[in-house]
PDB file of N, CA and C in Angstrom:
ATOM      1  N   MET A   1     127.309 -49.335 -19.369  1.00  0.00           N
ATOM      2  CA  MET A   1     127.110 -48.324 -18.367  1.00  0.00           C
ATOM      3  C   MET A   1     128.133 -48.579 -17.206  1.00  0.00           C
ATOM      4  N   THR A   2     128.806 -47.517 -16.821  1.00  0.00           N
ATOM      5  CA  THR A   2     129.772 -47.662 -15.759  1.00  0.00           C
ATOM      6  C   THR A   2     129.114 -47.794 -14.384  1.00  0.00           C
ATOM      7  N   ARG A   3     129.888 -48.218 -13.392  1.00  0.00           N
ATOM      8  CA  ARG A   3     129.353 -48.321 -12.045  1.00  0.00           C
ATOM      9  C   ARG A   3     128.826 -46.995 -11.540  1.00  0.00           C
ATOM     10  N   ALA A   4     129.578 -45.895 -11.816  1.00  0.00           N
ATOM     11  CA  ALA A   4     129.168 -44.530 -11.370  1.00  0.00           C
ATOM     12  C   ALA A   4     127.864 -44.178 -12.025  1.00  0.00           C
ATOM     13  N   GLN A   5     127.680 -44.485 -13.318  1.00  0.00           N
ATOM     14  CA  GLN A   5     126.441 -44.114 -14.029  1.00  0.00           C
ATOM     15  C   GLN A   5     125.281 -44.942 -13.391  1.00  0.00           C
ATOM     16  N   ARG A   6     125.468 -46.218 -13.139  1.00  0.00           N
ATOM     17  CA  ARG A   6     124.443 -47.036 -12.566  1.00  0.00           C
ATOM     18  C   ARG A   6     124.059 -46.454 -11.166  1.00  0.00           C
ATOM     19  N   TRP A   7     125.058 -46.063 -10.425  1.00  0.00           N
ATOM     20  CA  TRP A   7     124.778 -45.452  -9.046  1.00  0.00           C
ATOM     21  C   TRP A   7     123.925 -44.182  -9.189  1.00  0.00           C
ATOM     22  N   ARG A   8     124.295 -43.343 -10.127  1.00  0.00           N
ATOM     23  CA  ARG A   8     123.550 -42.098 -10.355  1.00  0.00           C
ATOM     24  C   ARG A   8     122.094 -42.400 -10.734  1.00  0.00           C
ATOM     25  N   TRP A   9     121.864 -43.359 -11.670  1.00  0.00           N
ATOM     26  CA  TRP A   9     120.529 -43.736 -12.025  1.00  0.00           C
ATOM     27  C   TRP A   9     119.775 -44.289 -10.834  1.00  0.00           C
ATOM     28  N   SER A  10     120.426 -45.129 -10.026  1.00  0.00           N
ATOM     29  CA  SER A  10     119.779 -45.686  -8.800  1.00  0.00           C
ATOM     30  C   SER A  10     119.435 -44.603  -7.830  1.00  0.00           C
ATOM     31  N   ALA A  11     120.342 -43.691  -7.599  1.00  0.00           N
ATOM     32  CA  ALA A  11     120.056 -42.596  -6.670  1.00  0.00           C
ATOM     33  C   ALA A  11     118.928 -41.696  -7.213  1.00  0.00           C
ATOM     34  N   GLY A  12     118.945 -41.444  -8.470  1.00  0.00           N
ATOM     35  CA  GLY A  12     117.844 -40.642  -9.031  1.00  0.00           C
ATOM     36  C   GLY A  12     116.513 -41.330  -8.943  1.00  0.00           C
ATOM     37  N   GLY A  13     116.519 -42.620  -9.217  1.00  0.00           N
ATOM     38  CA  GLY A  13     115.265 -43.390  -9.087  1.00  0.00           C
ATOM     39  C   GLY A  13     114.748 -43.420  -7.654  1.00  0.00           C
ATOM     40  N   ALA A  14     115.651 -43.521  -6.674  1.00  0.00           N
ATOM     41  CA  ALA A  14     115.260 -43.503  -5.320  1.00  0.00           C
ATOM     42  C   ALA A  14     114.667 -42.127  -4.948  1.00  0.00           C
ATOM     43  N   LEU A  15     115.260 -41.039  -5.439  1.00  0.00           N
ATOM     44  CA  LEU A  15     114.746 -39.722  -5.140  1.00  0.00           C
ATOM     45  C   LEU A  15     113.317 -39.540  -5.718  1.00  0.00           C
ATOM     46  N   VAL A  16     113.164 -40.021  -6.950  1.00  0.00           N
ATOM     47  CA  VAL A  16     111.834 -39.906  -7.578  1.00  0.00           C
ATOM     48  C   VAL A  16     110.805 -40.744  -6.753  1.00  0.00           C
ATOM     49  N   ALA A  17     111.199 -41.924  -6.313  1.00  0.00           N
ATOM     50  CA  ALA A  17     110.260 -42.783  -5.548  1.00  0.00           C
ATOM     51  C   ALA A  17     109.879 -42.061  -4.225  1.00  0.00           C
ATOM     52  N   VAL A  18     110.873 -41.536  -3.553  1.00  0.00           N
ATOM     53  CA  VAL A  18     110.623 -40.782  -2.267  1.00  0.00           C
ATOM     54  C   VAL A  18     109.674 -39.660  -2.552  1.00  0.00           C
ATOM     55  N   ALA A  19     109.970 -38.880  -3.598  1.00  0.00           N
ATOM     56  CA  ALA A  19     109.112 -37.714  -3.900  1.00  0.00           C
ATOM     57  C   ALA A  19     107.706 -38.106  -4.195  1.00  0.00           C
ATOM     58  N   ILE A  20     107.518 -39.174  -4.964  1.00  0.00           N
ATOM     59  CA  ILE A  20     106.188 -39.637  -5.316  1.00  0.00           C
ATOM     60  C   ILE A  20     105.425 -40.155  -4.093  1.00  0.00           C
ATOM     61  N   LEU A  21     106.123 -40.981  -3.287  1.00  0.00           N
ATOM     62  CA  LEU A  21     105.472 -41.565  -2.143  1.00  0.00           C
ATOM     63  C   LEU A  21     105.188 -40.591  -1.059  1.00  0.00           C
ATOM     64  N   ALA A  22     106.145 -39.654  -0.823  1.00  0.00           N
ATOM     65  CA  ALA A  22     105.971 -38.693   0.263  1.00  0.00           C
ATOM     66  C   ALA A  22     105.212 -37.485  -0.123  1.00  0.00           C
ATOM     67  N   GLY A  23     105.186 -37.136  -1.411  1.00  0.00           N
ATOM     68  CA  GLY A  23     104.588 -35.908  -1.885  1.00  0.00           C
ATOM     69  C   GLY A  23     103.268 -35.538  -1.269  1.00  0.00           C
ATOM     70  N   PRO A  24     102.231 -36.296  -1.513  1.00  0.00           N
ATOM     71  CA  PRO A  24     100.938 -35.892  -0.949  1.00  0.00           C
ATOM     72  C   PRO A  24     100.798 -36.030   0.546  1.00  0.00           C
ATOM     73  N   TYR A  25     101.676 -36.776   1.142  1.00  0.00           N
ATOM     74  CA  TYR A  25     101.562 -37.073   2.604  1.00  0.00           C
ATOM     75  C   TYR A  25     102.575 -36.308   3.452  1.00  0.00           C
ATOM     76  N   ALA A  26     103.574 -35.740   2.879  1.00  0.00           N
ATOM     77  CA  ALA A  26     104.683 -35.166   3.600  1.00  0.00           C
ATOM     78  C   ALA A  26     104.267 -34.073   4.584  1.00  0.00           C
ATOM     79  N   SER A  27     103.360 -33.193   4.220  1.00  0.00           N
ATOM     80  CA  SER A  27     103.047 -32.085   5.038  1.00  0.00           C
ATOM     81  C   SER A  27     101.643 -32.034   5.583  1.00  0.00           C
ATOM     82  N   GLY A  28     100.843 -33.028   5.266  1.00  0.00           N
ATOM     83  CA  GLY A  28      99.475 -33.073   5.748  1.00  0.00           C
ATOM     84  C   GLY A  28      98.546 -32.251   4.876  1.00  0.00           C
ATOM     85  N   CYS A  29      97.258 -32.459   5.062  1.00  0.00           N
ATOM     86  CA  CYS A  29      96.260 -31.797   4.193  1.00  0.00           C
ATOM     87  C   CYS A  29      96.134 -30.336   4.386  1.00  0.00           C
ATOM     88  N   ALA A  30      96.383 -29.839   5.608  1.00  0.00           N
ATOM     89  CA  ALA A  30      96.203 -28.427   5.892  1.00  0.00           C
ATOM     90  C   ALA A  30      97.455 -27.605   5.595  1.00  0.00           C
ATOM     91  N   SER A  31      98.399 -28.180   4.940  1.00  0.00           N
ATOM     92  CA  SER A  31      99.679 -27.507   4.679  1.00  0.00           C
ATOM     93  C   SER A  31      99.491 -26.314   3.728  1.00  0.00           C
ATOM     94  N   SER A  32     100.244 -25.244   3.937  1.00  0.00           N
ATOM     95  CA  SER A  32     100.245 -24.123   3.011  1.00  0.00           C
ATOM     96  C   SER A  32     101.482 -24.205   2.141  1.00  0.00           C
ATOM     97  N   ASP A  33     102.227 -25.311   2.193  1.00  0.00           N
ATOM     98  CA  ASP A  33     103.403 -25.446   1.351  1.00  0.00           C
ATOM     99  C   ASP A  33     102.962 -25.591  -0.083  1.00  0.00           C
ATOM    100  N   PRO A  34     103.516 -24.771  -0.991  1.00  0.00           N
ATOM    101  CA  PRO A  34     103.109 -24.880  -2.375  1.00  0.00           C
ATOM    102  C   PRO A  34     103.584 -26.184  -2.989  1.00  0.00           C
ATOM    103  N   ARG A  35     102.819 -26.756  -3.846  1.00  0.00           N
ATOM    104  CA  ARG A  35     103.115 -28.002  -4.506  1.00  0.00           C
ATOM    105  C   ARG A  35     103.716 -27.848  -5.900  1.00  0.00           C
ATOM    106  N   ASP A  36     103.910 -26.619  -6.357  1.00  0.00           N
ATOM    107  CA  ASP A  36     104.549 -26.346  -7.595  1.00  0.00           C
ATOM    108  C   ASP A  36     105.252 -25.004  -7.561  1.00  0.00           C
ATOM    109  N   LEU A  37     106.044 -24.770  -8.600  1.00  0.00           N
ATOM    110  CA  LEU A  37     106.873 -23.550  -8.650  1.00  0.00           C
ATOM    111  C   LEU A  37     106.040 -22.293  -8.794  1.00  0.00           C
ATOM    112  N   SER A  38     104.976 -22.300  -9.629  1.00  0.00           N
ATOM    113  CA  SER A  38     104.180 -21.105  -9.805  1.00  0.00           C
ATOM    114  C   SER A  38     103.441 -20.714  -8.558  1.00  0.00           C
ATOM    115  N   SER A  39     102.955 -21.693  -7.782  1.00  0.00           N
ATOM    116  CA  SER A  39     102.265 -21.382  -6.527  1.00  0.00           C
ATOM    117  C   SER A  39     103.289 -20.766  -5.501  1.00  0.00           C
ATOM    118  N   ALA A  40     104.487 -21.353  -5.504  1.00  0.00           N
ATOM    119  CA  ALA A  40     105.545 -20.783  -4.604  1.00  0.00           C
ATOM    120  C   ALA A  40     105.864 -19.359  -4.988  1.00  0.00           C
ATOM    121  N   ALA A  41     105.947 -19.073  -6.289  1.00  0.00           N
ATOM    122  CA  ALA A  41     106.241 -17.695  -6.792  1.00  0.00           C
ATOM    123  C   ALA A  41     105.101 -16.762  -6.375  1.00  0.00           C
ATOM    124  N   ARG A  42     103.885 -17.218  -6.541  1.00  0.00           N
ATOM    125  CA  ARG A  42     102.694 -16.390  -6.214  1.00  0.00           C
ATOM    126  C   ARG A  42     102.686 -16.086  -4.681  1.00  0.00           C
ATOM    127  N   GLN A  43     102.931 -17.134  -3.891  1.00  0.00           N
ATOM    128  CA  GLN A  43     102.918 -16.953  -2.443  1.00  0.00           C
ATOM    129  C   GLN A  43     104.034 -15.998  -1.960  1.00  0.00           C
ATOM    130  N   SER A  44     105.141 -15.957  -2.692  1.00  0.00           N
ATOM    131  CA  SER A  44     106.239 -15.100  -2.300  1.00  0.00           C
ATOM    132  C   SER A  44     106.133 -13.684  -2.790  1.00  0.00           C
ATOM    133  N   GLY A  45     105.060 -13.388  -3.543  1.00  0.00           N
ATOM    134  CA  GLY A  45     104.894 -12.052  -4.088  1.00  0.00           C
ATOM    135  C   GLY A  45     105.764 -11.758  -5.261  1.00  0.00           C
ATOM    136  N   ALA A  46     106.115 -12.742  -6.039  1.00  0.00           N
ATOM    137  CA  ALA A  46     106.973 -12.544  -7.217  1.00  0.00           C
ATOM    138  C   ALA A  46     106.300 -11.721  -8.267  1.00  0.00           C
ATOM    139  N   SER A  47     107.125 -11.155  -9.128  1.00  0.00           N
ATOM    140  CA  SER A  47     106.592 -10.336 -10.223  1.00  0.00           C
ATOM    141  C   SER A  47     105.820 -11.235 -11.207  1.00  0.00           C
ATOM    142  N   PRO A  48     104.895 -10.624 -11.948  1.00  0.00           N
ATOM    143  CA  PRO A  48     104.168 -11.418 -12.928  1.00  0.00           C
ATOM    144  C   PRO A  48     105.054 -12.142 -13.905  1.00  0.00           C
ATOM    145  N   SER A  49     106.161 -11.555 -14.309  1.00  0.00           N
ATOM    146  CA  SER A  49     107.036 -12.277 -15.311  1.00  0.00           C
ATOM    147  C   SER A  49     107.674 -13.468 -14.643  1.00  0.00           C
ATOM    148  N   LEU A  50     108.029 -13.413 -13.350  1.00  0.00           N
ATOM    149  CA  LEU A  50     108.610 -14.580 -12.698  1.00  0.00           C
ATOM    150  C   LEU A  50     107.553 -15.664 -12.522  1.00  0.00           C
ATOM    151  N   GLU A  51     106.335 -15.209 -12.203  1.00  0.00           N
ATOM    152  CA  GLU A  51     105.217 -16.181 -12.091  1.00  0.00           C
ATOM    153  C   GLU A  51     104.991 -16.911 -13.411  1.00  0.00           C
ATOM    154  N   ARG A  52     105.035 -16.191 -14.528  1.00  0.00           N
ATOM    155  CA  ARG A  52     104.869 -16.800 -15.858  1.00  0.00           C
ATOM    156  C   ARG A  52     106.022 -17.771 -16.123  1.00  0.00           C
ATOM    157  N   ALA A  53     107.256 -17.431 -15.744  1.00  0.00           N
ATOM    158  CA  ALA A  53     108.391 -18.264 -15.892  1.00  0.00           C
ATOM    159  C   ALA A  53     108.198 -19.546 -15.129  1.00  0.00           C
ATOM    160  N   CYS A  54     107.671 -19.461 -13.945  1.00  0.00           N
ATOM    161  CA  CYS A  54     107.489 -20.633 -13.102  1.00  0.00           C
ATOM    162  C   CYS A  54     106.347 -21.518 -13.605  1.00  0.00           C
ATOM    163  N   ARG A  55     105.286 -20.874 -14.194  1.00  0.00           N
ATOM    164  CA  ARG A  55     104.246 -21.679 -14.815  1.00  0.00           C
ATOM    165  C   ARG A  55     104.824 -22.532 -15.985  1.00  0.00           C
ATOM    166  N   LEU A  56     105.706 -21.878 -16.771  1.00  0.00           N
ATOM    167  CA  LEU A  56     106.345 -22.616 -17.872  1.00  0.00           C
ATOM    168  C   LEU A  56     107.218 -23.743 -17.292  1.00  0.00           C
ATOM    169  N   ALA A  57     107.975 -23.470 -16.228  1.00  0.00           N
ATOM    170  CA  ALA A  57     108.774 -24.501 -15.621  1.00  0.00           C
ATOM    171  C   ALA A  57     107.925 -25.650 -15.100  1.00  0.00           C
ATOM    172  N   ASP A  58     106.792 -25.330 -14.492  1.00  0.00           N
ATOM    173  CA  ASP A  58     105.864 -26.349 -14.034  1.00  0.00           C
ATOM    174  C   ASP A  58     105.440 -27.285 -15.178  1.00  0.00           C
ATOM    175  N   ARG A  59     105.022 -26.636 -16.285  1.00  0.00           N
ATOM    176  CA  ARG A  59     104.500 -27.432 -17.452  1.00  0.00           C
ATOM    177  C   ARG A  59     105.574 -28.301 -18.041  1.00  0.00           C
ATOM    178  N   ARG A  60     106.776 -27.724 -18.277  1.00  0.00           N
ATOM    179  CA  ARG A  60     107.817 -28.445 -18.965  1.00  0.00           C
ATOM    180  C   ARG A  60     108.404 -29.527 -18.061  1.00  0.00           C
ATOM    181  N   CYS A  61     108.721 -29.166 -16.844  1.00  0.00           N
ATOM    182  CA  CYS A  61     109.348 -30.159 -15.916  1.00  0.00           C
ATOM    183  C   CYS A  61     108.478 -31.346 -15.648  1.00  0.00           C
ATOM    184  N   SER A  62     107.139 -31.035 -15.484  1.00  0.00           N
ATOM    185  CA  SER A  62     106.212 -32.158 -15.084  1.00  0.00           C
ATOM    186  C   SER A  62     105.875 -33.034 -16.290  1.00  0.00           C
ATOM    187  N   ARG A  63     106.356 -32.737 -17.462  1.00  0.00           N
ATOM    188  CA  ARG A  63     106.125 -33.652 -18.592  1.00  0.00           C
ATOM    189  C   ARG A  63     106.867 -34.994 -18.374  1.00  0.00           C
ATOM    190  N   CYS A  64     108.015 -34.888 -17.715  1.00  0.00           N
ATOM    191  CA  CYS A  64     108.886 -36.093 -17.561  1.00  0.00           C
ATOM    192  C   CYS A  64     108.927 -36.696 -16.156  1.00  0.00           C
ATOM    193  N   HIS A  65     108.644 -35.856 -15.139  1.00  0.00           N
ATOM    194  CA  HIS A  65     108.713 -36.336 -13.768  1.00  0.00           C
ATOM    195  C   HIS A  65     107.816 -35.436 -12.885  1.00  0.00           C
ATOM    196  N   PRO A  66     107.474 -35.938 -11.701  1.00  0.00           N
ATOM    197  CA  PRO A  66     106.675 -35.094 -10.787  1.00  0.00           C
ATOM    198  C   PRO A  66     107.456 -33.854 -10.433  1.00  0.00           C
ATOM    199  N   ILE A  67     106.744 -32.758 -10.302  1.00  0.00           N
ATOM    200  CA  ILE A  67     107.354 -31.460  -9.987  1.00  0.00           C
ATOM    201  C   ILE A  67     108.091 -31.531  -8.620  1.00  0.00           C
ATOM    202  N   GLU A  68     107.656 -32.396  -7.757  1.00  0.00           N
ATOM    203  CA  GLU A  68     108.324 -32.537  -6.452  1.00  0.00           C
ATOM    204  C   GLU A  68     109.812 -32.858  -6.617  1.00  0.00           C
ATOM    205  N   VAL A  69     110.143 -33.581  -7.668  1.00  0.00           N
ATOM    206  CA  VAL A  69     111.535 -33.918  -7.949  1.00  0.00           C
ATOM    207  C   VAL A  69     112.374 -32.627  -8.076  1.00  0.00           C
ATOM    208  N   VAL A  70     111.790 -31.660  -8.740  1.00  0.00           N
ATOM    209  CA  VAL A  70     112.490 -30.337  -8.924  1.00  0.00           C
ATOM    210  C   VAL A  70     112.566 -29.618  -7.607  1.00  0.00           C
ATOM    211  N   LEU A  71     111.491 -29.654  -6.846  1.00  0.00           N
ATOM    212  CA  LEU A  71     111.409 -28.937  -5.542  1.00  0.00           C
ATOM    213  C   LEU A  71     112.394 -29.448  -4.550  1.00  0.00           C
ATOM    214  N   VAL A  72     112.836 -30.688  -4.633  1.00  0.00           N
ATOM    215  CA  VAL A  72     113.788 -31.242  -3.659  1.00  0.00           C
ATOM    216  C   VAL A  72     115.133 -31.584  -4.322  1.00  0.00           C
ATOM    217  N   ALA A  73     115.462 -30.954  -5.474  1.00  0.00           N
ATOM    218  CA  ALA A  73     116.641 -31.325  -6.212  1.00  0.00           C
ATOM    219  C   ALA A  73     117.945 -31.153  -5.497  1.00  0.00           C
ATOM    220  N   GLY A  74     118.059 -30.251  -4.545  1.00  0.00           N
ATOM    221  CA  GLY A  74     119.302 -30.077  -3.831  1.00  0.00           C
ATOM    222  C   GLY A  74     120.422 -29.477  -4.594  1.00  0.00           C
ATOM    223  N   VAL A  75     120.055 -28.511  -5.484  1.00  0.00           N
ATOM    224  CA  VAL A  75     121.105 -27.830  -6.265  1.00  0.00           C
ATOM    225  C   VAL A  75     121.829 -26.837  -5.331  1.00  0.00           C
ATOM    226  N   HIS A  76     123.150 -26.776  -5.497  1.00  0.00           N
ATOM    227  CA  HIS A  76     123.965 -25.994  -4.554  1.00  0.00           C
ATOM    228  C   HIS A  76     124.456 -24.634  -5.170  1.00  0.00           C
ATOM    229  N   GLU A  77     124.439 -24.520  -6.479  1.00  0.00           N
ATOM    230  CA  GLU A  77     124.906 -23.305  -7.114  1.00  0.00           C
ATOM    231  C   GLU A  77     123.942 -22.912  -8.240  1.00  0.00           C
ATOM    232  N   PRO A  78     123.745 -21.587  -8.450  1.00  0.00           N
ATOM    233  CA  PRO A  78     122.811 -21.184  -9.509  1.00  0.00           C
ATOM    234  C   PRO A  78     123.221 -21.748 -10.881  1.00  0.00           C
ATOM    235  N   ALA A  79     124.488 -21.851 -11.167  1.00  0.00           N
ATOM    236  CA  ALA A  79     124.933 -22.392 -12.455  1.00  0.00           C
ATOM    237  C   ALA A  79     124.534 -23.826 -12.635  1.00  0.00           C
ATOM    238  N   ASP A  80     124.348 -24.569 -11.570  1.00  0.00           N
ATOM    239  CA  ASP A  80     123.910 -25.948 -11.641  1.00  0.00           C
ATOM    240  C   ASP A  80     122.551 -26.073 -12.356  1.00  0.00           C
ATOM    241  N   TRP A  81     121.663 -25.089 -12.093  1.00  0.00           N
ATOM    242  CA  TRP A  81     120.349 -25.145 -12.741  1.00  0.00           C
ATOM    243  C   TRP A  81     120.477 -25.042 -14.260  1.00  0.00           C
ATOM    244  N   SER A  82     121.422 -24.167 -14.715  1.00  0.00           N
ATOM    245  CA  SER A  82     121.632 -24.020 -16.180  1.00  0.00           C
ATOM    246  C   SER A  82     122.026 -25.369 -16.792  1.00  0.00           C
ATOM    247  N   ASN A  83     122.938 -26.037 -16.126  1.00  0.00           N
ATOM    248  CA  ASN A  83     123.412 -27.324 -16.618  1.00  0.00           C
ATOM    249  C   ASN A  83     122.271 -28.348 -16.586  1.00  0.00           C
ATOM    250  N   TYR A  84     121.525 -28.358 -15.538  1.00  0.00           N
ATOM    251  CA  TYR A  84     120.409 -29.327 -15.345  1.00  0.00           C
ATOM    252  C   TYR A  84     119.359 -29.110 -16.400  1.00  0.00           C
ATOM    253  N   VAL A  85     118.901 -27.838 -16.604  1.00  0.00           N
ATOM    254  CA  VAL A  85     117.828 -27.583 -17.559  1.00  0.00           C
ATOM    255  C   VAL A  85     118.348 -27.852 -18.999  1.00  0.00           C
ATOM    256  N   ARG A  86     119.618 -27.527 -19.304  1.00  0.00           N
ATOM    257  CA  ARG A  86     120.149 -27.865 -20.637  1.00  0.00           C
ATOM    258  C   ARG A  86     120.086 -29.371 -20.889  1.00  0.00           C
ATOM    259  N   ARG A  87     120.470 -30.131 -19.877  1.00  0.00           N
ATOM    260  CA  ARG A  87     120.447 -31.617 -20.054  1.00  0.00           C
ATOM    261  C   ARG A  87     118.991 -32.100 -20.244  1.00  0.00           C
ATOM    262  N   MET A  88     118.088 -31.508 -19.496  1.00  0.00           N
ATOM    263  CA  MET A  88     116.654 -31.918 -19.641  1.00  0.00           C
ATOM    264  C   MET A  88     116.148 -31.466 -21.011  1.00  0.00           C
ATOM    265  N   ARG A  89     116.516 -30.269 -21.485  1.00  0.00           N
ATOM    266  CA  ARG A  89     116.076 -29.769 -22.779  1.00  0.00           C
ATOM    267  C   ARG A  89     116.522 -30.732 -23.889  1.00  0.00           C
ATOM    268  N   LEU A  90     117.706 -31.271 -23.775  1.00  0.00           N
ATOM    269  CA  LEU A  90     118.263 -32.155 -24.798  1.00  0.00           C
ATOM    270  C   LEU A  90     117.670 -33.618 -24.658  1.00  0.00           C
ATOM    271  N   THR A  91     116.872 -33.843 -23.659  1.00  0.00           N
ATOM    272  CA  THR A  91     116.264 -35.176 -23.529  1.00  0.00           C
ATOM    273  C   THR A  91     115.076 -35.238 -24.511  1.00  0.00           C
ATOM    274  N   PRO A  92     115.014 -36.281 -25.372  1.00  0.00           N
ATOM    275  CA  PRO A  92     113.906 -36.379 -26.261  1.00  0.00           C
ATOM    276  C   PRO A  92     112.523 -36.375 -25.553  1.00  0.00           C
ATOM    277  N   GLY A  93     111.624 -35.582 -26.081  1.00  0.00           N
ATOM    278  CA  GLY A  93     110.278 -35.528 -25.522  1.00  0.00           C
ATOM    279  C   GLY A  93     110.107 -34.522 -24.442  1.00  0.00           C
ATOM    280  N   SER A  94     111.174 -33.787 -24.067  1.00  0.00           N
ATOM    281  CA  SER A  94     111.045 -32.801 -22.974  1.00  0.00           C
ATOM    282  C   SER A  94     110.148 -31.635 -23.318  1.00  0.00           C
ATOM    283  N   GLY A  95     110.081 -31.292 -24.583  1.00  0.00           N
ATOM    284  CA  GLY A  95     109.222 -30.155 -25.002  1.00  0.00           C
ATOM    285  C   GLY A  95     109.835 -28.797 -24.664  1.00  0.00           C
ATOM    286  N   ILE A  96     111.047 -28.793 -24.143  1.00  0.00           N
ATOM    287  CA  ILE A  96     111.686 -27.507 -23.821  1.00  0.00           C
ATOM    288  C   ILE A  96     112.386 -26.942 -25.024  1.00  0.00           C
ATOM    289  N   ALA A  97     111.992 -25.776 -25.499  1.00  0.00           N
ATOM    290  CA  ALA A  97     112.607 -25.112 -26.592  1.00  0.00           C
ATOM    291  C   ALA A  97     113.883 -24.355 -26.112  1.00  0.00           C
ATOM    292  N   ALA A  98     114.794 -24.161 -27.002  1.00  0.00           N
ATOM    293  CA  ALA A  98     116.073 -23.499 -26.636  1.00  0.00           C
ATOM    294  C   ALA A  98     115.779 -22.101 -25.987  1.00  0.00           C
ATOM    295  N   GLY A  99     114.823 -21.383 -26.522  1.00  0.00           N
ATOM    296  CA  GLY A  99     114.477 -20.068 -25.967  1.00  0.00           C
ATOM    297  C   GLY A  99     113.789 -20.117 -24.619  1.00  0.00           C
ATOM    298  N   GLU A 100     113.265 -21.270 -24.244  1.00  0.00           N
ATOM    299  CA  GLU A 100     112.584 -21.393 -22.951  1.00  0.00           C
ATOM    300  C   GLU A 100     113.604 -21.706 -21.828  1.00  0.00           C
ATOM    301  N   GLU A 101     114.760 -22.249 -22.228  1.00  0.00           N
ATOM    302  CA  GLU A 101     115.746 -22.621 -21.237  1.00  0.00           C
ATOM    303  C   GLU A 101     116.080 -21.515 -20.243  1.00  0.00           C
ATOM    304  N   PRO A 102     116.479 -20.315 -20.697  1.00  0.00           N
ATOM    305  CA  PRO A 102     116.819 -19.271 -19.710  1.00  0.00           C
ATOM    306  C   PRO A 102     115.587 -18.825 -18.839  1.00  0.00           C
ATOM    307  N   VAL A 103     114.388 -18.957 -19.365  1.00  0.00           N
ATOM    308  CA  VAL A 103     113.207 -18.584 -18.617  1.00  0.00           C
ATOM    309  C   VAL A 103     112.997 -19.563 -17.488  1.00  0.00           C
ATOM    310  N   ILE A 104     113.125 -20.825 -17.795  1.00  0.00           N
ATOM    311  CA  ILE A 104     112.951 -21.905 -16.779  1.00  0.00           C
ATOM    312  C   ILE A 104     114.079 -21.775 -15.733  1.00  0.00           C
ATOM    313  N   VAL A 105     115.284 -21.582 -16.188  1.00  0.00           N
ATOM    314  CA  VAL A 105     116.422 -21.386 -15.272  1.00  0.00           C
ATOM    315  C   VAL A 105     116.175 -20.217 -14.307  1.00  0.00           C
ATOM    316  N   ARG A 106     115.659 -19.124 -14.815  1.00  0.00           N
ATOM    317  CA  ARG A 106     115.377 -17.974 -13.999  1.00  0.00           C
ATOM    318  C   ARG A 106     114.429 -18.331 -12.823  1.00  0.00           C
ATOM    319  N   CYS A 107     113.355 -19.068 -13.139  1.00  0.00           N
ATOM    320  CA  CYS A 107     112.423 -19.507 -12.114  1.00  0.00           C
ATOM    321  C   CYS A 107     113.147 -20.416 -11.059  1.00  0.00           C
ATOM    322  N   LEU A 108     113.888 -21.388 -11.567  1.00  0.00           N
ATOM    323  CA  LEU A 108     114.517 -22.337 -10.638  1.00  0.00           C
ATOM    324  C   LEU A 108     115.546 -21.689  -9.744  1.00  0.00           C
ATOM    325  N   VAL A 109     116.318 -20.724 -10.332  1.00  0.00           N
ATOM    326  CA  VAL A 109     117.286 -20.020  -9.525  1.00  0.00           C
ATOM    327  C   VAL A 109     116.629 -19.175  -8.480  1.00  0.00           C
ATOM    328  N   GLU A 110     115.575 -18.466  -8.857  1.00  0.00           N
ATOM    329  CA  GLU A 110     114.861 -17.612  -7.855  1.00  0.00           C
ATOM    330  C   GLU A 110     114.227 -18.495  -6.790  1.00  0.00           C
ATOM    331  N   HIS A 111     113.697 -19.648  -7.187  1.00  0.00           N
ATOM    332  CA  HIS A 111     113.031 -20.501  -6.225  1.00  0.00           C
ATOM    333  C   HIS A 111     114.085 -21.055  -5.232  1.00  0.00           C
ATOM    334  N   SER A 112     115.244 -21.459  -5.755  1.00  0.00           N
ATOM    335  CA  SER A 112     116.266 -22.065  -4.928  1.00  0.00           C
ATOM    336  C   SER A 112     117.099 -21.090  -4.110  1.00  0.00           C
ATOM    337  N   PHE A 113     117.354 -19.916  -4.693  1.00  0.00           N
ATOM    338  CA  PHE A 113     118.334 -19.050  -4.053  1.00  0.00           C
ATOM    339  C   PHE A 113     117.779 -17.643  -3.727  1.00  0.00           C
ATOM    340  N   GLY A 114     116.623 -17.282  -4.292  1.00  0.00           N
ATOM    341  CA  GLY A 114     116.022 -16.014  -3.991  1.00  0.00           C
ATOM    342  C   GLY A 114     116.907 -14.835  -4.034  1.00  0.00           C
ATOM    343  N   ALA A 115     116.836 -13.970  -3.041  1.00  0.00           N
ATOM    344  CA  ALA A 115     117.616 -12.744  -2.973  1.00  0.00           C
ATOM    345  C   ALA A 115     119.119 -12.957  -2.851  1.00  0.00           C
ATOM    346  N   ARG A 116     119.534 -14.219  -2.564  1.00  0.00           N
ATOM    347  CA  ARG A 116     120.965 -14.474  -2.370  1.00  0.00           C
ATOM    348  C   ARG A 116     121.692 -14.437  -3.718  1.00  0.00           C
ATOM    349  N   VAL A 117     120.954 -14.449  -4.805  1.00  0.00           N
ATOM    350  CA  VAL A 117     121.607 -14.452  -6.138  1.00  0.00           C
ATOM    351  C   VAL A 117     121.960 -13.032  -6.506  1.00  0.00           C
ATOM    352  N   SER A 118     123.229 -12.815  -6.847  1.00  0.00           N
ATOM    353  CA  SER A 118     123.637 -11.495  -7.290  1.00  0.00           C
ATOM    354  C   SER A 118     123.212 -11.309  -8.705  1.00  0.00           C
ATOM    355  N   ARG A 119     122.749 -10.107  -8.997  1.00  0.00           N
ATOM    356  CA  ARG A 119     122.236  -9.838 -10.345  1.00  0.00           C
ATOM    357  C   ARG A 119     123.234  -9.004 -11.139  1.00  0.00           C
TER     358      ARG A 119
END
């Protein structure tokens, strides 16, 4: 493993640790901040198909890591989500089928970029 790869793993591990430790305490008990993608979609008044896409993303993403990791991923471009989900789909045990990849990406792009995404 190269030094750059070790650094990426270390940074990823630190992000997961922060998300796990801060998750339930970050906003207090009375917070209205959604704790998952489908709740965020519902609160924003998303279409039923987008809500279903986000429920799928919640199920698949949380198989391998807390959903908070996705919510704080810091993706800068919509195309980054495609690359990210493809990499996760190819991870053994992810449970993400090839046909689910674009559905999950749709949810993540809408969640991250909303109306700013040109269609």
